[in-house]
Amino acid sequence: IRGLCGMHKEYRHLGLQAGKLAVYQGTLGYDEVLLRVERNIAVEALPTAWQEKLAKAAYFRSCSQEEKAQLRESLEFVDEQALNNVLENFDELSDDLRRTDVAP
C-alpha cells in the first residue's frame, strides 16, 4: 500500500523547497506531498540552529537514530494547529528582523 495511514495524513513537517521554508504532509522523511511554501518567512532570518535542522531534514533517512529523534521533536507536528503555532513564532521573528533592518 502506497501513501500514509489516516493518522499520519494529519501529520505535518517542515523542510526546504528550493531554499524556502516548506510544509509537507506526513512524517519527517516522507516528502512526497508538498502542501505549501512559506514565502513570508525567510529561512535566512531563522536562528542558525533551525537553519541547520532544516538542512538536515533533507538527509533524514541517513541520520542516526538520535538525530532523527531530535529532528522529529523540532520539525514534525501531529496536526496543522501544532505546526501553525510554530510558524506564527517564525513569522513574528521575521517581522522583528524586518523592523530592525529599517532605519528610524
PDB file of N, CA and C in Angstrom:
ATOM      1  N   ILE A   1       0.849  -1.177   0.000  1.00  0.00           N
ATOM      2  CA  ILE A   1       0.000   0.000   0.000  1.00  0.00           C
ATOM      3  C   ILE A   1       0.887   1.229   0.000  1.00  0.00           C
ATOM      4  N   ARG A   2       0.643   2.134  -0.945  1.00  0.00           N
ATOM      5  CA  ARG A   2       1.393   3.391  -1.001  1.00  0.00           C
ATOM      6  C   ARG A   2       0.626   4.468  -0.256  1.00  0.00           C
ATOM      7  N   GLY A   3       1.348   5.450   0.249  1.00  0.00           N
ATOM      8  CA  GLY A   3       0.706   6.571   0.913  1.00  0.00           C
ATOM      9  C   GLY A   3       0.753   6.438   2.417  1.00  0.00           C
ATOM     10  N   LEU A   4       0.004   7.309   3.056  1.00  0.00           N
ATOM     11  CA  LEU A   4       0.013   7.403   4.513  1.00  0.00           C
ATOM     12  C   LEU A   4      -1.270   6.835   5.103  1.00  0.00           C
ATOM     13  N   CYS A   5      -1.162   6.327   6.327  1.00  0.00           N
ATOM     14  CA  CYS A   5      -2.352   5.879   7.044  1.00  0.00           C
ATOM     15  C   CYS A   5      -3.134   7.116   7.484  1.00  0.00           C
ATOM     16  N   GLY A   6      -4.349   6.922   7.954  1.00  0.00           N
ATOM     17  CA  GLY A   6      -5.202   8.029   8.363  1.00  0.00           C
ATOM     18  C   GLY A   6      -4.571   8.935   9.395  1.00  0.00           C
ATOM     19  N   MET A   7      -3.914   8.362  10.394  1.00  0.00           N
ATOM     20  CA  MET A   7      -3.281   9.162  11.440  1.00  0.00           C
ATOM     21  C   MET A   7      -2.139  10.007  10.880  1.00  0.00           C
ATOM     22  N   HIS A   8      -1.276   9.402  10.096  1.00  0.00           N
ATOM     23  CA  HIS A   8      -0.098  10.110   9.608  1.00  0.00           C
ATOM     24  C   HIS A   8      -0.422  11.107   8.488  1.00  0.00           C
ATOM     25  N   LYS A   9      -1.612  11.009   7.897  1.00  0.00           N
ATOM     26  CA  LYS A   9      -2.025  12.030   6.923  1.00  0.00           C
ATOM     27  C   LYS A   9      -2.208  13.381   7.589  1.00  0.00           C
ATOM     28  N   GLU A  10      -2.510  13.370   8.877  1.00  0.00           N
ATOM     29  CA  GLU A  10      -2.702  14.612   9.617  1.00  0.00           C
ATOM     30  C   GLU A  10      -1.376  15.254  10.027  1.00  0.00           C
ATOM     31  N   TYR A  11      -0.316  14.467  10.071  1.00  0.00           N
ATOM     32  CA  TYR A  11       0.992  14.983  10.455  1.00  0.00           C
ATOM     33  C   TYR A  11       1.477  16.002   9.427  1.00  0.00           C
ATOM     34  N   ARG A  12       2.278  16.932   9.914  1.00  0.00           N
ATOM     35  CA  ARG A  12       2.933  17.926   9.068  1.00  0.00           C
ATOM     36  C   ARG A  12       4.394  18.007   9.488  1.00  0.00           C
ATOM     37  N   HIS A  13       5.246  18.318   8.558  1.00  0.00           N
ATOM     38  CA  HIS A  13       6.639  18.566   8.920  1.00  0.00           C
ATOM     39  C   HIS A  13       7.219  19.674   8.061  1.00  0.00           C
ATOM     40  N   LEU A  14       8.241  20.300   8.612  1.00  0.00           N
ATOM     41  CA  LEU A  14       8.922  21.385   7.930  1.00  0.00           C
ATOM     42  C   LEU A  14      10.142  20.860   7.198  1.00  0.00           C
ATOM     43  N   GLY A  15      10.430  21.502   6.108  1.00  0.00           N
ATOM     44  CA  GLY A  15      11.613  21.178   5.330  1.00  0.00           C
ATOM     45  C   GLY A  15      11.933  22.344   4.425  1.00  0.00           C
ATOM     46  N   LEU A  16      12.749  22.094   3.443  1.00  0.00           N
ATOM     47  CA  LEU A  16      13.127  23.126   2.490  1.00  0.00           C
ATOM     48  C   LEU A  16      12.688  22.720   1.091  1.00  0.00           C
ATOM     49  N   GLN A  17      12.281  23.704   0.327  1.00  0.00           N
ATOM     50  CA  GLN A  17      11.948  23.508  -1.081  1.00  0.00           C
ATOM     51  C   GLN A  17      12.554  24.694  -1.828  1.00  0.00           C
ATOM     52  N   ALA A  18      13.554  24.429  -2.628  1.00  0.00           N
ATOM     53  CA  ALA A  18      14.246  25.488  -3.383  1.00  0.00           C
ATOM     54  C   ALA A  18      14.707  26.616  -2.466  1.00  0.00           C
ATOM     55  N   GLY A  19      15.229  26.253  -1.291  1.00  0.00           N
ATOM     56  CA  GLY A  19      15.767  27.223  -0.354  1.00  0.00           C
ATOM     57  C   GLY A  19      14.739  27.973   0.466  1.00  0.00           C
ATOM     58  N   LYS A  20      13.479  27.624   0.325  1.00  0.00           N
ATOM     59  CA  LYS A  20      12.393  28.272   1.071  1.00  0.00           C
ATOM     60  C   LYS A  20      11.831  27.299   2.098  1.00  0.00           C
ATOM     61  N   LEU A  21      11.241  27.852   3.167  1.00  0.00           N
ATOM     62  CA  LEU A  21      10.599  27.031   4.193  1.00  0.00           C
ATOM     63  C   LEU A  21       9.358  26.377   3.604  1.00  0.00           C
ATOM     64  N   ALA A  22       9.269  25.066   3.728  1.00  0.00           N
ATOM     65  CA  ALA A  22       8.173  24.315   3.134  1.00  0.00           C
ATOM     66  C   ALA A  22       7.453  23.469   4.180  1.00  0.00           C
ATOM     67  N   VAL A  23       6.166  23.242   3.928  1.00  0.00           N
ATOM     68  CA  VAL A  23       5.334  22.397   4.787  1.00  0.00           C
ATOM     69  C   VAL A  23       4.938  21.172   3.977  1.00  0.00           C
ATOM     70  N   TYR A  24       5.234  20.010   4.531  1.00  0.00           N
ATOM     71  CA  TYR A  24       4.908  18.746   3.888  1.00  0.00           C
ATOM     72  C   TYR A  24       3.878  17.984   4.704  1.00  0.00           C
ATOM     73  N   GLN A  25       3.082  17.190   4.026  1.00  0.00           N
ATOM     74  CA  GLN A  25       2.140  16.295   4.701  1.00  0.00           C
ATOM     75  C   GLN A  25       2.885  15.041   5.110  1.00  0.00           C
ATOM     76  N   GLY A  26       2.545  14.538   6.294  1.00  0.00           N
ATOM     77  CA  GLY A  26       3.121  13.287   6.745  1.00  0.00           C
ATOM     78  C   GLY A  26       4.284  13.471   7.699  1.00  0.00           C
ATOM     79  N   THR A  27       4.900  12.362   8.021  1.00  0.00           N
ATOM     80  CA  THR A  27       6.001  12.354   8.972  1.00  0.00           C
ATOM     81  C   THR A  27       7.305  12.778   8.296  1.00  0.00           C
ATOM     82  N   LEU A  28       8.233  13.196   9.105  1.00  0.00           N
ATOM     83  CA  LEU A  28       9.541  13.624   8.617  1.00  0.00           C
ATOM     84  C   LEU A  28      10.195  12.471   7.863  1.00  0.00           C
ATOM     85  N   GLY A  29      10.773  12.790   6.725  1.00  0.00           N
ATOM     86  CA  GLY A  29      11.374  11.762   5.888  1.00  0.00           C
ATOM     87  C   GLY A  29      10.472  11.366   4.730  1.00  0.00           C
ATOM     88  N   TYR A  30       9.187  11.728   4.815  1.00  0.00           N
ATOM     89  CA  TYR A  30       8.226  11.473   3.741  1.00  0.00           C
ATOM     90  C   TYR A  30       7.916  12.825   3.101  1.00  0.00           C
ATOM     91  N   ASP A  31       8.615  13.132   2.016  1.00  0.00           N
ATOM     92  CA  ASP A  31       8.477  14.431   1.362  1.00  0.00           C
ATOM     93  C   ASP A  31       7.705  14.337   0.049  1.00  0.00           C
ATOM     94  N   GLU A  32       6.766  13.407  -0.009  1.00  0.00           N
ATOM     95  CA  GLU A  32       6.009  13.157  -1.236  1.00  0.00           C
ATOM     96  C   GLU A  32       4.958  14.231  -1.504  1.00  0.00           C
ATOM     97  N   VAL A  33       4.372  14.797  -0.428  1.00  0.00           N
ATOM     98  CA  VAL A  33       3.268  15.737  -0.606  1.00  0.00           C
ATOM     99  C   VAL A  33       3.660  17.107  -0.043  1.00  0.00           C
ATOM    100  N   LEU A  34       4.016  18.008  -0.944  1.00  0.00           N
ATOM    101  CA  LEU A  34       4.325  19.391  -0.571  1.00  0.00           C
ATOM    102  C   LEU A  34       3.004  20.138  -0.470  1.00  0.00           C
ATOM    103  N   LEU A  35       2.698  20.653   0.717  1.00  0.00           N
ATOM    104  CA  LEU A  35       1.440  21.375   0.916  1.00  0.00           C
ATOM    105  C   LEU A  35       1.565  22.852   0.563  1.00  0.00           C
ATOM    106  N   ARG A  36       2.661  23.454   0.968  1.00  0.00           N
ATOM    107  CA  ARG A  36       2.847  24.876   0.660  1.00  0.00           C
ATOM    108  C   ARG A  36       4.280  25.302   0.966  1.00  0.00           C
ATOM    109  N   VAL A  37       4.635  26.442   0.398  1.00  0.00           N
ATOM    110  CA  VAL A  37       5.915  27.091   0.672  1.00  0.00           C
ATOM    111  C   VAL A  37       5.589  28.389   1.398  1.00  0.00           C
ATOM    112  N   GLU A  38       6.236  28.597   2.519  1.00  0.00           N
ATOM    113  CA  GLU A  38       6.008  29.785   3.348  1.00  0.00           C
ATOM    114  C   GLU A  38       6.863  30.932   2.812  1.00  0.00           C
ATOM    115  N   ARG A  39       6.282  31.757   2.000  1.00  0.00           N
ATOM    116  CA  ARG A  39       7.026  32.841   1.348  1.00  0.00           C
ATOM    117  C   ARG A  39       7.274  34.034   2.268  1.00  0.00           C
ATOM    118  N   ASN A  40       6.514  34.157   3.354  1.00  0.00           N
ATOM    119  CA  ASN A  40       6.671  35.295   4.268  1.00  0.00           C
ATOM    120  C   ASN A  40       7.691  35.040   5.370  1.00  0.00           C
ATOM    121  N   ILE A  41       8.250  33.847   5.401  1.00  0.00           N
ATOM    122  CA  ILE A  41       9.226  33.507   6.440  1.00  0.00           C
ATOM    123  C   ILE A  41      10.552  33.186   5.755  1.00  0.00           C
ATOM    124  N   ALA A  42      11.503  34.078   5.907  1.00  0.00           N
ATOM    125  CA  ALA A  42      12.814  33.886   5.282  1.00  0.00           C
ATOM    126  C   ALA A  42      13.632  32.896   6.102  1.00  0.00           C
ATOM    127  N   VAL A  43      14.104  31.866   5.468  1.00  0.00           N
ATOM    128  CA  VAL A  43      14.936  30.867   6.153  1.00  0.00           C
ATOM    129  C   VAL A  43      16.168  31.531   6.747  1.00  0.00           C
ATOM    130  N   GLU A  44      16.733  32.491   6.027  1.00  0.00           N
ATOM    131  CA  GLU A  44      17.942  33.181   6.492  1.00  0.00           C
ATOM    132  C   GLU A  44      17.701  33.968   7.776  1.00  0.00           C
ATOM    133  N   ALA A  45      16.437  34.310   8.050  1.00  0.00           N
ATOM    134  CA  ALA A  45      16.099  35.080   9.252  1.00  0.00           C
ATOM    135  C   ALA A  45      15.926  34.188  10.479  1.00  0.00           C
ATOM    136  N   LEU A  46      15.844  32.893  10.265  1.00  0.00           N
ATOM    137  CA  LEU A  46      15.672  31.961  11.382  1.00  0.00           C
ATOM    138  C   LEU A  46      16.996  31.786  12.121  1.00  0.00           C
ATOM    139  N   PRO A  47      16.916  31.433  13.404  1.00  0.00           N
ATOM    140  CA  PRO A  47      18.156  31.147  14.146  1.00  0.00           C
ATOM    141  C   PRO A  47      18.960  30.042  13.448  1.00  0.00           C
ATOM    142  N   THR A  48      20.263  30.118  13.571  1.00  0.00           N
ATOM    143  CA  THR A  48      21.160  29.176  12.914  1.00  0.00           C
ATOM    144  C   THR A  48      20.803  27.718  13.230  1.00  0.00           C
ATOM    145  N   ALA A  49      20.441  27.446  14.468  1.00  0.00           N
ATOM    146  CA  ALA A  49      20.096  26.069  14.851  1.00  0.00           C
ATOM    147  C   ALA A  49      18.919  25.554  14.021  1.00  0.00           C
ATOM    148  N   TRP A  50      17.923  26.407  13.779  1.00  0.00           N
ATOM    149  CA  TRP A  50      16.770  25.999  12.957  1.00  0.00           C
ATOM    150  C   TRP A  50      17.184  25.806  11.513  1.00  0.00           C
ATOM    151  N   GLN A  51      18.044  26.659  11.005  1.00  0.00           N
ATOM    152  CA  GLN A  51      18.517  26.511   9.630  1.00  0.00           C
ATOM    153  C   GLN A  51      19.241  25.176   9.450  1.00  0.00           C
ATOM    154  N   GLU A  52      20.052  24.812  10.444  1.00  0.00           N
ATOM    155  CA  GLU A  52      20.787  23.549  10.384  1.00  0.00           C
ATOM    156  C   GLU A  52      19.837  22.356  10.431  1.00  0.00           C
ATOM    157  N   LYS A  53      18.816  22.439  11.276  1.00  0.00           N
ATOM    158  CA  LYS A  53      17.827  21.348  11.357  1.00  0.00           C
ATOM    159  C   LYS A  53      17.098  21.182  10.035  1.00  0.00           C
ATOM    160  N   LEU A  54      16.707  22.284   9.442  1.00  0.00           N
ATOM    161  CA  LEU A  54      16.003  22.221   8.159  1.00  0.00           C
ATOM    162  C   LEU A  54      16.888  21.621   7.070  1.00  0.00           C
ATOM    163  N   ALA A  55      18.160  21.970   7.082  1.00  0.00           N
ATOM    164  CA  ALA A  55      19.094  21.405   6.105  1.00  0.00           C
ATOM    165  C   ALA A  55      19.253  19.902   6.326  1.00  0.00           C
ATOM    166  N   LYS A  56      19.314  19.478   7.580  1.00  0.00           N
ATOM    167  CA  LYS A  56      19.457  18.046   7.903  1.00  0.00           C
ATOM    168  C   LYS A  56      18.218  17.245   7.511  1.00  0.00           C
ATOM    169  N   ALA A  57      17.066  17.886   7.543  1.00  0.00           N
ATOM    170  CA  ALA A  57      15.819  17.186   7.219  1.00  0.00           C
ATOM    171  C   ALA A  57      15.857  16.591   5.816  1.00  0.00           C
ATOM    172  N   ALA A  58      16.586  17.232   4.916  1.00  0.00           N
ATOM    173  CA  ALA A  58      16.700  16.718   3.546  1.00  0.00           C
ATOM    174  C   ALA A  58      17.426  15.374   3.501  1.00  0.00           C
ATOM    175  N   TYR A  59      18.234  15.101   4.533  1.00  0.00           N
ATOM    176  CA  TYR A  59      19.006  13.855   4.613  1.00  0.00           C
ATOM    177  C   TYR A  59      18.533  13.002   5.780  1.00  0.00           C
ATOM    178  N   PHE A  60      17.273  13.140   6.126  1.00  0.00           N
ATOM    179  CA  PHE A  60      16.705  12.498   7.310  1.00  0.00           C
ATOM    180  C   PHE A  60      16.988  10.996   7.359  1.00  0.00           C
ATOM    181  N   ARG A  61      16.813  10.330   6.266  1.00  0.00           N
ATOM    182  CA  ARG A  61      16.963   8.862   6.256  1.00  0.00           C
ATOM    183  C   ARG A  61      18.385   8.394   6.550  1.00  0.00           C
ATOM    184  N   SER A  62      19.355   9.248   6.312  1.00  0.00           N
ATOM    185  CA  SER A  62      20.741   8.853   6.588  1.00  0.00           C
ATOM    186  C   SER A  62      21.228   9.334   7.958  1.00  0.00           C
ATOM    187  N   CYS A  63      20.370   9.977   8.718  1.00  0.00           N
ATOM    188  CA  CYS A  63      20.735  10.454  10.057  1.00  0.00           C
ATOM    189  C   CYS A  63      20.744   9.300  11.058  1.00  0.00           C
ATOM    190  N   SER A  64      21.477   9.487  12.139  1.00  0.00           N
ATOM    191  CA  SER A  64      21.480   8.493  13.213  1.00  0.00           C
ATOM    192  C   SER A  64      20.116   8.515  13.908  1.00  0.00           C
ATOM    193  N   GLN A  65      19.825   7.503  14.687  1.00  0.00           N
ATOM    194  CA  GLN A  65      18.549   7.446  15.400  1.00  0.00           C
ATOM    195  C   GLN A  65      18.395   8.628  16.357  1.00  0.00           C
ATOM    196  N   GLU A  66      19.481   9.024  16.984  1.00  0.00           N
ATOM    197  CA  GLU A  66      19.452  10.165  17.899  1.00  0.00           C
ATOM    198  C   GLU A  66      19.129  11.457  17.143  1.00  0.00           C
ATOM    199  N   GLU A  67      19.770  11.645  15.992  1.00  0.00           N
ATOM    200  CA  GLU A  67      19.495  12.829  15.176  1.00  0.00           C
ATOM    201  C   GLU A  67      18.052  12.833  14.684  1.00  0.00           C
ATOM    202  N   LYS A  68      17.565  11.673  14.270  1.00  0.00           N
ATOM    203  CA  LYS A  68      16.176  11.570  13.812  1.00  0.00           C
ATOM    204  C   LYS A  68      15.207  11.973  14.913  1.00  0.00           C
ATOM    205  N   ALA A  69      15.460  11.518  16.117  1.00  0.00           N
ATOM    206  CA  ALA A  69      14.588  11.852  17.248  1.00  0.00           C
ATOM    207  C   ALA A  69      14.606  13.358  17.512  1.00  0.00           C
ATOM    208  N   GLN A  70      15.781  13.959  17.449  1.00  0.00           N
ATOM    209  CA  GLN A  70      15.898  15.406  17.672  1.00  0.00           C
ATOM    210  C   GLN A  70      15.186  16.191  16.570  1.00  0.00           C
ATOM    211  N   LEU A  71      15.333  15.751  15.335  1.00  0.00           N
ATOM    212  CA  LEU A  71      14.673  16.442  14.234  1.00  0.00           C
ATOM    213  C   LEU A  71      13.156  16.303  14.332  1.00  0.00           C
ATOM    214  N   ARG A  72      12.683  15.112  14.688  1.00  0.00           N
ATOM    215  CA  ARG A  72      11.232  14.918  14.842  1.00  0.00           C
ATOM    216  C   ARG A  72      10.665  15.838  15.914  1.00  0.00           C
ATOM    217  N   GLU A  73      11.407  15.994  16.990  1.00  0.00           N
ATOM    218  CA  GLU A  73      10.969  16.837  18.097  1.00  0.00           C
ATOM    219  C   GLU A  73      10.792  18.292  17.653  1.00  0.00           C
ATOM    220  N   SER A  74      11.618  18.735  16.730  1.00  0.00           N
ATOM    221  CA  SER A  74      11.584  20.135  16.287  1.00  0.00           C
ATOM    222  C   SER A  74      10.751  20.370  15.034  1.00  0.00           C
ATOM    223  N   LEU A  75      10.804  19.444  14.078  1.00  0.00           N
ATOM    224  CA  LEU A  75      10.255  19.706  12.750  1.00  0.00           C
ATOM    225  C   LEU A  75       8.990  18.945  12.404  1.00  0.00           C
ATOM    226  N   GLU A  76       8.553  18.041  13.253  1.00  0.00           N
ATOM    227  CA  GLU A  76       7.385  17.206  12.959  1.00  0.00           C
ATOM    228  C   GLU A  76       6.249  17.565  13.916  1.00  0.00           C
ATOM    229  N   PHE A  77       5.028  17.637  13.386  1.00  0.00           N
ATOM    230  CA  PHE A  77       3.873  18.081  14.163  1.00  0.00           C
ATOM    231  C   PHE A  77       2.696  17.139  13.934  1.00  0.00           C
ATOM    232  N   VAL A  78       1.910  16.918  14.981  1.00  0.00           N
ATOM    233  CA  VAL A  78       0.810  15.955  14.896  1.00  0.00           C
ATOM    234  C   VAL A  78      -0.369  16.473  14.072  1.00  0.00           C
ATOM    235  N   ASP A  79      -0.453  17.785  13.890  1.00  0.00           N
ATOM    236  CA  ASP A  79      -1.539  18.329  13.083  1.00  0.00           C
ATOM    237  C   ASP A  79      -1.213  19.749  12.638  1.00  0.00           C
ATOM    238  N   GLU A  80      -2.101  20.302  11.857  1.00  0.00           N
ATOM    239  CA  GLU A  80      -1.920  21.643  11.297  1.00  0.00           C
ATOM    240  C   GLU A  80      -1.840  22.712  12.390  1.00  0.00           C
ATOM    241  N   GLN A  81      -2.641  22.578  13.435  1.00  0.00           N
ATOM    242  CA  GLN A  81      -2.658  23.572  14.511  1.00  0.00           C
ATOM    243  C   GLN A  81      -1.310  23.654  15.218  1.00  0.00           C
ATOM    244  N   ALA A  82      -0.728  22.510  15.545  1.00  0.00           N
ATOM    245  CA  ALA A  82       0.582  22.493  16.206  1.00  0.00           C
ATOM    246  C   ALA A  82       1.641  23.135  15.306  1.00  0.00           C
ATOM    247  N   LEU A  83       1.581  22.838  14.026  1.00  0.00           N
ATOM    248  CA  LEU A  83       2.500  23.441  13.067  1.00  0.00           C
ATOM    249  C   LEU A  83       2.316  24.953  13.015  1.00  0.00           C
ATOM    250  N   ASN A  84       1.072  25.405  12.936  1.00  0.00           N
ATOM    251  CA  ASN A  84       0.800  26.839  12.819  1.00  0.00           C
ATOM    252  C   ASN A  84       1.287  27.624  14.024  1.00  0.00           C
ATOM    253  N   ASN A  85       1.266  27.015  15.201  1.00  0.00           N
ATOM    254  CA  ASN A  85       1.791  27.686  16.388  1.00  0.00           C
ATOM    255  C   ASN A  85       3.272  28.019  16.214  1.00  0.00           C
ATOM    256  N   VAL A  86       4.038  27.102  15.665  1.00  0.00           N
ATOM    257  CA  VAL A  86       5.469  27.337  15.439  1.00  0.00           C
ATOM    258  C   VAL A  86       5.675  28.343  14.312  1.00  0.00           C
ATOM    259  N   LEU A  87       4.903  28.212  13.235  1.00  0.00           N
ATOM    260  CA  LEU A  87       5.044  29.140  12.115  1.00  0.00           C
ATOM    261  C   LEU A  87       4.718  30.570  12.535  1.00  0.00           C
ATOM    262  N   GLU A  88       3.769  30.723  13.418  1.00  0.00           N
ATOM    263  CA  GLU A  88       3.417  32.048  13.915  1.00  0.00           C
ATOM    264  C   GLU A  88       4.613  32.686  14.629  1.00  0.00           C
ATOM    265  N   ASN A  89       5.320  31.889  15.423  1.00  0.00           N
ATOM    266  CA  ASN A  89       6.520  32.398  16.100  1.00  0.00           C
ATOM    267  C   ASN A  89       7.604  32.774  15.086  1.00  0.00           C
ATOM    268  N   PHE A  90       7.768  31.968  14.046  1.00  0.00           N
ATOM    269  CA  PHE A  90       8.744  32.282  12.996  1.00  0.00           C
ATOM    270  C   PHE A  90       8.362  33.584  12.295  1.00  0.00           C
ATOM    271  N   ASP A  91       7.071  33.737  12.012  1.00  0.00           N
ATOM    272  CA  ASP A  91       6.596  34.923  11.320  1.00  0.00           C
ATOM    273  C   ASP A  91       6.857  36.174  12.153  1.00  0.00           C
ATOM    274  N   GLU A  92       6.625  36.079  13.467  1.00  0.00           N
ATOM    275  CA  GLU A  92       6.897  37.207  14.360  1.00  0.00           C
ATOM    276  C   GLU A  92       8.391  37.527  14.386  1.00  0.00           C
ATOM    277  N   LEU A  93       9.222  36.503  14.381  1.00  0.00           N
ATOM    278  CA  LEU A  93      10.670  36.700  14.353  1.00  0.00           C
ATOM    279  C   LEU A  93      11.078  37.424  13.072  1.00  0.00           C
ATOM    280  N   SER A  94      10.518  37.005  11.941  1.00  0.00           N
ATOM    281  CA  SER A  94      10.818  37.653  10.667  1.00  0.00           C
ATOM    282  C   SER A  94      10.368  39.112  10.677  1.00  0.00           C
ATOM    283  N   ASP A  95       9.186  39.378  11.252  1.00  0.00           N
ATOM    284  CA  ASP A  95       8.699  40.762  11.356  1.00  0.00           C
ATOM    285  C   ASP A  95       9.638  41.601  12.196  1.00  0.00           C
ATOM    286  N   ASP A  96      10.085  41.049  13.327  1.00  0.00           N
ATOM    287  CA  ASP A  96      11.010  41.777  14.201  1.00  0.00           C
ATOM    288  C   ASP A  96      12.309  42.108  13.467  1.00  0.00           C
ATOM    289  N   LEU A  97      12.816  41.166  12.704  1.00  0.00           N
ATOM    290  CA  LEU A  97      14.061  41.399  11.968  1.00  0.00           C
ATOM    291  C   LEU A  97      13.866  42.439  10.878  1.00  0.00           C
ATOM    292  N   ARG A  98      12.715  42.431  10.223  1.00  0.00           N
ATOM    293  CA  ARG A  98      12.443  43.438   9.182  1.00  0.00           C
ATOM    294  C   ARG A  98      12.390  44.831   9.816  1.00  0.00           C
ATOM    295  N   ARG A  99      11.798  44.942  11.002  1.00  0.00           N
ATOM    296  CA  ARG A  99      11.694  46.239  11.664  1.00  0.00           C
ATOM    297  C   ARG A  99      13.075  46.773  12.060  1.00  0.00           C
ATOM    298  N   THR A 100      13.981  45.900  12.461  1.00  0.00           N
ATOM    299  CA  THR A 100      15.316  46.354  12.871  1.00  0.00           C
ATOM    300  C   THR A 100      16.181  46.688  11.661  1.00  0.00           C
ATOM    301  N   ASP A 101      15.813  46.166  10.482  1.00  0.00           N
ATOM    302  CA  ASP A 101      16.556  46.484   9.263  1.00  0.00           C
ATOM    303  C   ASP A 101      16.203  47.868   8.720  1.00  0.00           C
ATOM    304  N   VAL A 102      15.057  48.403   9.131  1.00  0.00           N
ATOM    305  CA  VAL A 102      14.610  49.702   8.633  1.00  0.00           C
ATOM    306  C   VAL A 102      15.187  50.791   9.517  1.00  0.00           C
ATOM    307  N   ALA A 103      15.821  51.760   8.907  1.00  0.00           N
ATOM    308  CA  ALA A 103      16.423  52.870   9.661  1.00  0.00           C
ATOM    309  C   ALA A 103      15.317  53.729  10.273  1.00  0.00           C
ATOM    310  N   PRO A 104      15.483  54.202  11.523  1.00  0.00           N
ATOM    311  CA  PRO A 104      14.461  55.045  12.150  1.00  0.00           C
ATOM    312  C   PRO A 104      14.386  56.418  11.517  1.00  0.00           C
TER     313      PRO A 104
END
